[in-house]
Amino acid sequence: MAESGKIDPMHQFTIEPLFGTDHWAIGGYNIAFTNSALWMVLAVVVLWGFVALGMQRQLVPGRWQMAVETMTGFIDNLLSANVGPEGKKFVPYVFSLFMFILAANLLGLLPLGLFGSHAFTFTSHFTATGVLAILSFSIVLIVGFWRHGFHFFSLFVPHGTPIWLLWLIPFIELVSFMVRPFSLGLRLFVAMMAGHILLEVLSSFVINSANAGPGWGIAIGIPSFLLMVGISALELLVAVIQAYVFALLTSLYINDAVNLH
């Protein structure tokens, strides 16, 4: 929150050390436990709790078991459709990736501001989404070279490429392939950051218009508040869609490594 009653929309993305760890360092590198790390841990705890509650293996599944089986079935179908039968090997990873991102996105939307605090969406930082993207990209490279060896490079020469374009097409395909982790992480980061900035800006309209007087509150504050409600609902949808898109693109990239399409 800035001075003079103004709201800084970027303040919510500030990474801050917690629990007196701001002076922790090893070899000159700060290793403080930050608010970003805290919400990562919370996302892992939520994911672990969700899976643990659903692994009761009852003959008549309860709600939690049904929910877990539905989500794992959803990821299994996603990989089967995009990779084929061998996609089952990657279900644990893609399921964990999808659920971790989904938990992070949804936790970041919790209305903790009503209680004097605020949630932190670490998927709105490219450092976090970039690491997830590099992890997926690394798996693609490992699987590709493990299965195909140097034949994996044939991925950069599409079938039917004219001989006279062999000097150009492989270079374009290679650049497109190397950009994948950047675009994968950037897409999630931009989508989550943009929505949160918009909500913060609208909240400043509501607060400042209310402070300016009843007339401004009615003319600007109420429409802004109603728009915030609508955008909050949209953000819930975006949180799910972005987790799905990340998992979908990861499965498509894995398909390239497995089947060399």
Protein backbone atom coordinates (compact mmCIF):
# COMPACT_ATOMS: atom_id res chain seq x y z
CA MET A 1 0.00 0.00 0.00
CA ALA A 2 1.51 3.34 -1.02
CA GLU A 3 1.27 6.64 0.78
CA SER A 4 -1.50 9.25 0.37
CA GLY A 5 -4.18 6.60 0.18
CA LYS A 6 -2.96 5.29 -3.16
CA ILE A 7 -2.77 1.59 -3.84
CA ASP A 8 0.32 0.14 -5.45
CA PRO A 9 -0.87 -2.74 -7.69
CA MET A 10 2.64 -4.22 -7.81
CA HIS A 11 3.07 -4.42 -4.03
CA GLN A 12 1.24 -7.75 -3.93
CA PHE A 13 4.04 -9.35 -5.96
CA THR A 14 6.84 -8.28 -3.63
CA ILE A 15 8.86 -11.20 -2.30
CA GLU A 16 9.64 -10.65 1.38
CA PRO A 17 11.66 -12.72 3.89
CA LEU A 18 9.75 -14.22 6.81
CA PHE A 19 10.45 -15.23 10.38
CA GLY A 20 13.61 -13.16 10.74
CA THR A 21 15.39 -14.93 7.89
CA ASP A 22 16.34 -11.80 5.94
CA HIS A 23 19.99 -12.14 6.99
CA TRP A 24 20.34 -15.84 6.17
CA ALA A 25 22.97 -16.40 3.52
CA ILE A 26 25.34 -19.07 2.25
CA GLY A 27 28.34 -18.04 0.19
CA GLY A 28 26.94 -14.55 -0.16
CA TYR A 29 23.60 -15.79 -1.53
CA ASN A 30 20.47 -14.99 0.43
CA ILE A 31 18.52 -18.13 1.39
CA ALA A 32 15.73 -16.46 3.35
CA PHE A 33 12.42 -18.30 3.69
CA THR A 34 10.10 -15.94 1.83
CA ASN A 35 6.39 -15.46 1.45
CA SER A 36 6.72 -17.07 -1.98
CA ALA A 37 8.32 -20.17 -0.45
CA LEU A 38 5.60 -20.27 2.21
CA TRP A 39 2.82 -20.39 -0.39
CA MET A 40 4.71 -23.02 -2.35
CA VAL A 41 4.78 -25.15 0.79
CA LEU A 42 1.07 -24.51 1.33
CA ALA A 43 0.35 -25.60 -2.25
CA VAL A 44 2.31 -28.82 -1.68
CA VAL A 45 0.45 -29.44 1.59
CA VAL A 46 -2.90 -28.91 -0.12
CA LEU A 47 -1.91 -31.26 -2.95
CA TRP A 48 -0.62 -33.90 -0.53
CA GLY A 49 -3.75 -33.64 1.62
CA PHE A 50 -6.01 -33.89 -1.41
CA VAL A 51 -4.28 -37.06 -2.63
CA ALA A 52 -3.98 -38.59 0.85
CA LEU A 53 -7.68 -38.17 1.56
CA GLY A 54 -8.53 -39.78 -1.74
CA MET A 55 -6.35 -42.89 -1.38
CA GLN A 56 -8.67 -44.82 0.91
CA ARG A 57 -9.48 -47.35 -1.86
CA GLN A 58 -12.97 -48.04 -0.63
CA LEU A 59 -15.24 -50.33 -2.64
CA VAL A 60 -17.83 -47.57 -2.66
CA PRO A 61 -15.71 -44.44 -3.14
CA GLY A 62 -16.41 -41.40 -0.99
CA ARG A 63 -16.29 -37.81 -2.15
CA TRP A 64 -12.54 -37.34 -1.77
CA GLN A 65 -11.71 -40.66 -3.40
CA MET A 66 -14.08 -39.85 -6.24
CA ALA A 67 -12.48 -36.42 -6.66
CA VAL A 68 -8.95 -37.85 -6.82
CA GLU A 69 -9.98 -40.61 -9.20
CA THR A 70 -11.73 -38.05 -11.40
CA MET A 71 -8.64 -35.84 -11.58
CA THR A 72 -6.23 -38.71 -12.21
CA GLY A 73 -8.61 -40.07 -14.84
CA PHE A 74 -8.74 -36.65 -16.46
CA ILE A 75 -4.94 -36.47 -16.70
CA ASP A 76 -4.76 -40.09 -17.86
CA ASN A 77 -7.21 -39.34 -20.68
CA LEU A 78 -5.27 -36.19 -21.57
CA LEU A 79 -2.02 -38.11 -21.95
CA SER A 80 -3.67 -41.03 -23.73
CA ALA A 81 -5.17 -38.65 -26.29
CA ASN A 82 -1.94 -36.74 -26.89
CA VAL A 83 0.81 -39.31 -26.30
CA GLY A 84 -0.86 -42.69 -26.69
CA PRO A 85 -0.57 -45.81 -24.53
CA GLU A 86 2.89 -44.82 -23.33
CA GLY A 87 1.42 -41.68 -21.83
CA LYS A 88 0.47 -43.60 -18.69
CA LYS A 89 4.11 -43.48 -17.60
CA PHE A 90 3.88 -39.72 -17.28
CA VAL A 91 0.55 -39.52 -15.43
CA PRO A 92 2.15 -39.04 -11.96
CA TYR A 93 4.29 -36.14 -13.17
CA VAL A 94 1.64 -34.33 -15.22
CA PHE A 95 -0.97 -34.90 -12.49
CA SER A 96 1.36 -33.42 -9.84
CA LEU A 97 2.22 -30.51 -12.14
CA PHE A 98 -1.41 -29.75 -12.94
CA MET A 99 -2.60 -29.99 -9.33
CA PHE A 100 0.34 -27.97 -7.98
CA ILE A 101 -0.30 -25.10 -10.40
CA LEU A 102 -4.05 -25.29 -9.81
CA ALA A 103 -3.58 -25.19 -6.03
CA ALA A 104 -1.16 -22.25 -6.35
CA ASN A 105 -3.54 -20.30 -8.58
CA LEU A 106 -6.58 -20.90 -6.35
CA LEU A 107 -4.74 -20.20 -3.09
CA GLY A 108 -3.62 -16.88 -4.55
CA LEU A 109 -7.27 -15.88 -4.92
CA LEU A 110 -8.20 -16.36 -1.28
CA PRO A 111 -9.76 -13.13 0.07
CA LEU A 112 -7.36 -12.86 3.01
CA GLY A 113 -7.39 -9.07 2.66
CA LEU A 114 -10.59 -9.16 4.69
CA PHE A 115 -8.52 -10.36 7.65
CA GLY A 116 -5.63 -7.92 7.36
CA SER A 117 -3.38 -10.12 5.24
CA HIS A 118 -3.15 -11.10 1.61
CA ALA A 119 -2.54 -14.27 -0.34
CA PHE A 120 0.57 -14.59 -2.48
CA THR A 121 0.37 -16.03 -5.99
CA PHE A 122 3.84 -17.35 -6.75
CA THR A 123 2.73 -18.37 -10.24
CA SER A 124 2.64 -14.64 -10.99
CA HIS A 125 6.46 -14.72 -10.88
CA PHE A 126 8.35 -15.85 -13.96
CA THR A 127 11.07 -17.34 -11.74
CA ALA A 128 8.54 -19.88 -10.46
CA THR A 129 6.72 -20.63 -13.70
CA GLY A 130 10.02 -20.67 -15.56
CA VAL A 131 11.43 -23.38 -13.29
CA LEU A 132 8.31 -25.50 -13.84
CA ALA A 133 8.65 -25.00 -17.59
CA ILE A 134 12.35 -25.91 -17.55
CA LEU A 135 11.53 -29.02 -15.53
CA SER A 136 9.01 -30.14 -18.15
CA PHE A 137 11.41 -29.25 -20.97
CA SER A 138 14.21 -31.22 -19.30
CA ILE A 139 11.97 -34.30 -19.08
CA VAL A 140 11.22 -33.94 -22.79
CA LEU A 141 14.93 -33.81 -23.63
CA ILE A 142 15.81 -36.73 -21.37
CA VAL A 143 13.00 -38.91 -22.73
CA GLY A 144 13.78 -37.93 -26.33
CA PHE A 145 17.49 -38.75 -26.19
CA TRP A 146 16.94 -41.82 -24.00
CA ARG A 147 14.48 -43.36 -26.48
CA HIS A 148 15.89 -42.20 -29.78
CA GLY A 149 19.49 -41.14 -29.24
CA PHE A 150 20.75 -38.75 -31.90
CA HIS A 151 17.75 -39.68 -34.04
CA PHE A 152 15.87 -37.27 -31.79
CA PHE A 153 17.28 -34.47 -33.95
CA SER A 154 15.03 -35.70 -36.76
CA LEU A 155 12.27 -33.86 -34.88
CA PHE A 156 13.65 -30.68 -36.44
CA VAL A 157 13.25 -31.98 -39.99
CA PRO A 158 9.49 -32.39 -40.65
CA HIS A 159 8.38 -35.08 -43.07
CA GLY A 160 8.10 -33.82 -46.61
CA THR A 161 10.59 -30.97 -46.19
CA PRO A 162 11.93 -30.02 -49.64
CA ILE A 163 15.66 -30.62 -50.06
CA TRP A 164 16.25 -27.03 -51.05
CA LEU A 165 14.84 -25.90 -47.65
CA LEU A 166 16.96 -28.23 -45.50
CA TRP A 167 19.29 -25.35 -44.71
CA LEU A 168 16.44 -23.25 -43.23
CA ILE A 169 13.64 -25.45 -41.83
CA PRO A 170 15.75 -27.29 -39.20
CA PHE A 171 17.01 -23.96 -37.88
CA ILE A 172 13.45 -22.59 -37.59
CA GLU A 173 12.26 -25.80 -35.91
CA LEU A 174 15.18 -25.71 -33.48
CA VAL A 175 14.49 -22.10 -32.51
CA SER A 176 10.80 -22.90 -32.07
CA PHE A 177 11.70 -25.91 -29.91
CA MET A 178 14.11 -23.94 -27.71
CA VAL A 179 11.54 -21.17 -27.16
CA ARG A 180 9.04 -23.66 -25.72
CA PRO A 181 10.08 -23.41 -22.04
CA PHE A 182 10.10 -19.61 -22.24
CA SER A 183 6.62 -19.41 -23.78
CA LEU A 184 5.29 -22.10 -21.44
CA GLY A 185 6.38 -20.23 -18.32
CA LEU A 186 5.56 -16.79 -19.71
CA ARG A 187 1.96 -17.69 -20.56
CA LEU A 188 1.12 -18.72 -17.00
CA PHE A 189 3.03 -15.85 -15.42
CA VAL A 190 1.38 -13.16 -17.56
CA ALA A 191 -2.14 -14.53 -17.15
CA MET A 192 -1.92 -14.67 -13.35
CA MET A 193 -0.17 -11.32 -12.94
CA ALA A 194 -2.56 -9.43 -15.25
CA GLY A 195 -5.67 -10.58 -13.41
CA HIS A 196 -4.30 -9.70 -9.99
CA ILE A 197 -3.18 -6.25 -11.15
CA LEU A 198 -6.63 -5.55 -12.58
CA LEU A 199 -8.32 -6.56 -9.33
CA GLU A 200 -5.95 -4.34 -7.34
CA VAL A 201 -6.60 -1.36 -9.62
CA LEU A 202 -10.36 -1.81 -9.34
CA SER A 203 -10.11 -2.08 -5.57
CA SER A 204 -8.30 1.27 -5.55
CA PHE A 205 -11.21 2.77 -7.51
CA VAL A 206 -13.66 1.44 -4.91
CA ILE A 207 -11.66 2.73 -1.93
CA ASN A 208 -10.74 6.13 -3.36
CA SER A 209 -14.22 6.83 -4.73
CA ALA A 210 -15.76 5.95 -1.37
CA ASN A 211 -13.33 8.30 0.37
CA ALA A 212 -14.11 11.07 -2.15
CA GLY A 213 -17.78 11.18 -1.21
CA PRO A 214 -21.14 9.44 -1.69
CA GLY A 215 -21.57 10.72 -5.23
CA TRP A 216 -18.26 9.33 -6.41
CA GLY A 217 -18.90 6.14 -4.48
CA ILE A 218 -22.17 5.55 -6.32
CA ALA A 219 -20.90 6.62 -9.74
CA ILE A 220 -17.52 4.85 -9.67
CA GLY A 221 -17.28 2.70 -6.56
CA ILE A 222 -20.35 0.52 -7.08
CA PRO A 223 -19.67 -0.26 -10.79
CA SER A 224 -16.03 -0.97 -9.94
CA PHE A 225 -17.08 -3.32 -7.13
CA LEU A 226 -19.51 -5.17 -9.39
CA LEU A 227 -16.80 -5.46 -12.01
CA MET A 228 -14.46 -6.84 -9.35
CA VAL A 229 -16.97 -9.56 -8.52
CA GLY A 230 -17.25 -10.53 -12.18
CA ILE A 231 -13.49 -10.50 -12.71
CA SER A 232 -12.97 -12.56 -9.55
CA ALA A 233 -15.25 -15.22 -11.01
CA LEU A 234 -13.34 -14.98 -14.28
CA GLU A 235 -10.05 -15.35 -12.38
CA LEU A 236 -11.29 -18.62 -10.91
CA LEU A 237 -11.87 -19.85 -14.44
CA VAL A 238 -8.48 -18.55 -15.59
CA ALA A 239 -6.80 -20.32 -12.66
CA VAL A 240 -8.20 -23.65 -13.85
CA ILE A 241 -7.63 -22.99 -17.56
CA GLN A 242 -4.00 -21.97 -17.09
CA ALA A 243 -3.23 -25.10 -15.08
CA TYR A 244 -4.90 -27.16 -17.81
CA VAL A 245 -3.03 -25.37 -20.61
CA PHE A 246 0.29 -25.96 -18.84
CA ALA A 247 -0.50 -29.68 -18.48
CA LEU A 248 -1.80 -29.91 -22.06
CA LEU A 249 1.28 -28.31 -23.60
CA THR A 250 3.52 -30.48 -21.44
CA SER A 251 1.74 -33.59 -22.74
CA LEU A 252 2.13 -32.35 -26.34
CA TYR A 253 5.85 -31.79 -25.81
CA ILE A 254 6.18 -35.25 -24.27
CA ASN A 255 4.44 -36.64 -27.34
CA ASP A 256 7.16 -35.11 -29.53
CA ALA A 257 9.82 -36.82 -27.41
CA VAL A 258 8.07 -40.20 -27.42
CA ASN A 259 6.72 -40.37 -30.95
CA LEU A 260 8.91 -37.82 -32.82
CA HIS A 261 5.91 -36.26 -34.58
